[in-house]
Amino acid sequence: MQELVTTNFKIGKQKPVDLLVQYRHVGWGNLWLLCEGLTDEERALLPFRYVGKRGEDPESRLRAWVEAQERKGKPTYVVVDDPTYLIRVRGS
């Protein structure tokens, strides 16, 4: 079994599962991901919102998303590389 797990292991496959826990705190549709580790089929199965399209330049995707959010108002951003952290923004 260990050999099967290590053969099919891919970095990043665990993060979406960890992020599901955060929905208890932030609510459905409030988590955006900038990721490359998932196929389109896998992305469709998960309840996240995605920044740009898979395969596009990550920096351009993030820049376009930030610009779109700022046209809508004054958003607060939290960028973390560990999805197990819960960060509360004062006043929210």
C-alpha atoms as a PDB file:
ATOM      1  CA  MET A   1       0.000   0.000   0.000  1.00  0.00           C
ATOM      2  CA  GLN A   2       2.801   2.443   0.881  1.00  0.00           C
ATOM      3  CA  GLU A   3       4.321   1.939  -2.558  1.00  0.00           C
ATOM      4  CA  LEU A   4       0.990   2.769  -4.233  1.00  0.00           C
ATOM      5  CA  VAL A   5       0.613   5.936  -2.155  1.00  0.00           C
ATOM      6  CA  THR A   6       4.133   7.173  -2.865  1.00  0.00           C
ATOM      7  CA  THR A   7       3.808   6.347  -6.572  1.00  0.00           C
ATOM      8  CA  ASN A   8       0.638   8.453  -6.949  1.00  0.00           C
ATOM      9  CA  PHE A   9       1.573  11.225  -4.519  1.00  0.00           C
ATOM     10  CA  LYS A  10       1.563  14.727  -5.964  1.00  0.00           C
ATOM     11  CA  ILE A  11       2.349  17.906  -4.078  1.00  0.00           C
ATOM     12  CA  GLY A  12      -0.715  20.098  -3.800  1.00  0.00           C
ATOM     13  CA  LYS A  13      -3.341  17.372  -3.893  1.00  0.00           C
ATOM     14  CA  GLN A  14      -3.806  17.645  -0.128  1.00  0.00           C
ATOM     15  CA  LYS A  15      -4.401  21.392   0.076  1.00  0.00           C
ATOM     16  CA  PRO A  16      -7.974  21.447  -1.312  1.00  0.00           C
ATOM     17  CA  VAL A  17      -8.989  18.888   1.290  1.00  0.00           C
ATOM     18  CA  ASP A  18      -7.470  21.047   4.032  1.00  0.00           C
ATOM     19  CA  LEU A  19      -9.291  24.085   2.671  1.00  0.00           C
ATOM     20  CA  LEU A  20     -12.676  22.376   3.002  1.00  0.00           C
ATOM     21  CA  VAL A  21     -12.345  22.821   6.766  1.00  0.00           C
ATOM     22  CA  GLN A  22     -12.230  26.607   6.296  1.00  0.00           C
ATOM     23  CA  TYR A  23     -15.748  26.653   4.826  1.00  0.00           C
ATOM     24  CA  ARG A  24     -17.073  26.209   8.352  1.00  0.00           C
ATOM     25  CA  HIS A  25     -15.691  29.667   9.103  1.00  0.00           C
ATOM     26  CA  VAL A  26     -15.900  31.693   5.886  1.00  0.00           C
ATOM     27  CA  GLY A  27     -18.976  30.320   4.144  1.00  0.00           C
ATOM     28  CA  TRP A  28     -19.601  28.849   0.732  1.00  0.00           C
ATOM     29  CA  GLY A  29     -18.056  30.679  -2.203  1.00  0.00           C
ATOM     30  CA  ASN A  30     -15.718  32.859  -0.159  1.00  0.00           C
ATOM     31  CA  LEU A  31     -12.449  31.050  -0.852  1.00  0.00           C
ATOM     32  CA  TRP A  32     -10.521  31.751  -4.038  1.00  0.00           C
ATOM     33  CA  LEU A  33      -7.617  29.564  -5.163  1.00  0.00           C
ATOM     34  CA  LEU A  34      -4.731  30.264  -7.485  1.00  0.00           C
ATOM     35  CA  CYS A  35      -3.588  26.738  -8.223  1.00  0.00           C
ATOM     36  CA  GLU A  36      -2.042  24.597 -10.916  1.00  0.00           C
ATOM     37  CA  GLY A  37      -2.072  21.164  -9.275  1.00  0.00           C
ATOM     38  CA  LEU A  38      -5.622  20.176 -10.219  1.00  0.00           C
ATOM     39  CA  THR A  39      -7.106  19.075 -13.516  1.00  0.00           C
ATOM     40  CA  ASP A  40     -10.253  20.762 -14.829  1.00  0.00           C
ATOM     41  CA  GLU A  41     -12.242  17.681 -13.773  1.00  0.00           C
ATOM     42  CA  GLU A  42     -10.866  17.847 -10.223  1.00  0.00           C
ATOM     43  CA  ARG A  43     -11.522  21.585 -10.036  1.00  0.00           C
ATOM     44  CA  ALA A  44     -15.147  21.032 -11.055  1.00  0.00           C
ATOM     45  CA  LEU A  45     -15.633  18.622  -8.141  1.00  0.00           C
ATOM     46  CA  LEU A  46     -14.420  21.049  -5.475  1.00  0.00           C
ATOM     47  CA  PRO A  47     -16.466  23.976  -4.105  1.00  0.00           C
ATOM     48  CA  PHE A  48     -13.800  26.630  -4.596  1.00  0.00           C
ATOM     49  CA  ARG A  49     -13.670  29.709  -6.769  1.00  0.00           C
ATOM     50  CA  TYR A  50     -10.592  29.924  -8.939  1.00  0.00           C
ATOM     51  CA  VAL A  51      -8.382  32.831  -9.965  1.00  0.00           C
ATOM     52  CA  GLY A  52      -8.064  32.762 -13.763  1.00  0.00           C
ATOM     53  CA  LYS A  53      -7.792  29.700 -15.943  1.00  0.00           C
ATOM     54  CA  ARG A  54      -5.478  26.766 -15.468  1.00  0.00           C
ATOM     55  CA  GLY A  55      -2.378  27.015 -17.646  1.00  0.00           C
ATOM     56  CA  GLU A  56      -2.285  30.814 -17.781  1.00  0.00           C
ATOM     57  CA  ASP A  57       0.593  32.736 -16.199  1.00  0.00           C
ATOM     58  CA  PRO A  58      -0.075  32.788 -12.401  1.00  0.00           C
ATOM     59  CA  GLU A  59       1.205  36.348 -11.956  1.00  0.00           C
ATOM     60  CA  SER A  60      -1.066  37.666 -14.718  1.00  0.00           C
ATOM     61  CA  ARG A  61      -4.021  35.717 -13.335  1.00  0.00           C
ATOM     62  CA  LEU A  62      -3.532  37.143  -9.860  1.00  0.00           C
ATOM     63  CA  ARG A  63      -3.015  40.698 -11.114  1.00  0.00           C
ATOM     64  CA  ALA A  64      -6.205  40.578 -13.236  1.00  0.00           C
ATOM     65  CA  TRP A  65      -8.204  39.121 -10.328  1.00  0.00           C
ATOM     66  CA  VAL A  66      -6.975  41.797  -7.885  1.00  0.00           C
ATOM     67  CA  GLU A  67      -7.832  44.546 -10.370  1.00  0.00           C
ATOM     68  CA  ALA A  68     -11.336  43.100 -10.839  1.00  0.00           C
ATOM     69  CA  GLN A  69     -11.891  42.904  -7.059  1.00  0.00           C
ATOM     70  CA  GLU A  70     -10.741  46.488  -6.559  1.00  0.00           C
ATOM     71  CA  ARG A  71     -13.160  47.766  -9.207  1.00  0.00           C
ATOM     72  CA  LYS A  72     -15.953  46.314  -7.032  1.00  0.00           C
ATOM     73  CA  GLY A  73     -14.846  48.041  -3.804  1.00  0.00           C
ATOM     74  CA  LYS A  74     -12.099  47.916  -1.187  1.00  0.00           C
ATOM     75  CA  PRO A  75     -11.467  44.236  -0.532  1.00  0.00           C
ATOM     76  CA  THR A  76      -9.267  42.749   2.175  1.00  0.00           C
ATOM     77  CA  TYR A  77      -6.765  40.144   1.006  1.00  0.00           C
ATOM     78  CA  VAL A  78      -5.176  37.334   2.961  1.00  0.00           C
ATOM     79  CA  VAL A  79      -2.562  35.300   1.126  1.00  0.00           C
ATOM     80  CA  VAL A  80      -1.324  32.219   2.970  1.00  0.00           C
ATOM     81  CA  ASP A  81       0.515  29.104   1.951  1.00  0.00           C
ATOM     82  CA  ASP A  82      -0.873  26.985   4.792  1.00  0.00           C
ATOM     83  CA  PRO A  83      -4.640  26.455   4.509  1.00  0.00           C
ATOM     84  CA  THR A  84      -4.930  25.238   8.092  1.00  0.00           C
ATOM     85  CA  TYR A  85      -4.580  28.802   9.447  1.00  0.00           C
ATOM     86  CA  LEU A  86      -7.741  30.740  10.216  1.00  0.00           C
ATOM     87  CA  ILE A  87      -7.091  34.464  10.009  1.00  0.00           C
ATOM     88  CA  ARG A  88      -9.737  36.829  11.314  1.00  0.00           C
ATOM     89  CA  VAL A  89      -9.766  40.367  10.024  1.00  0.00           C
ATOM     90  CA  ARG A  90     -10.680  42.996  12.596  1.00  0.00           C
ATOM     91  CA  GLY A  91     -14.222  44.262  12.063  1.00  0.00           C
ATOM     92  CA  SER A  92     -15.424  41.194  10.176  1.00  0.00           C
END
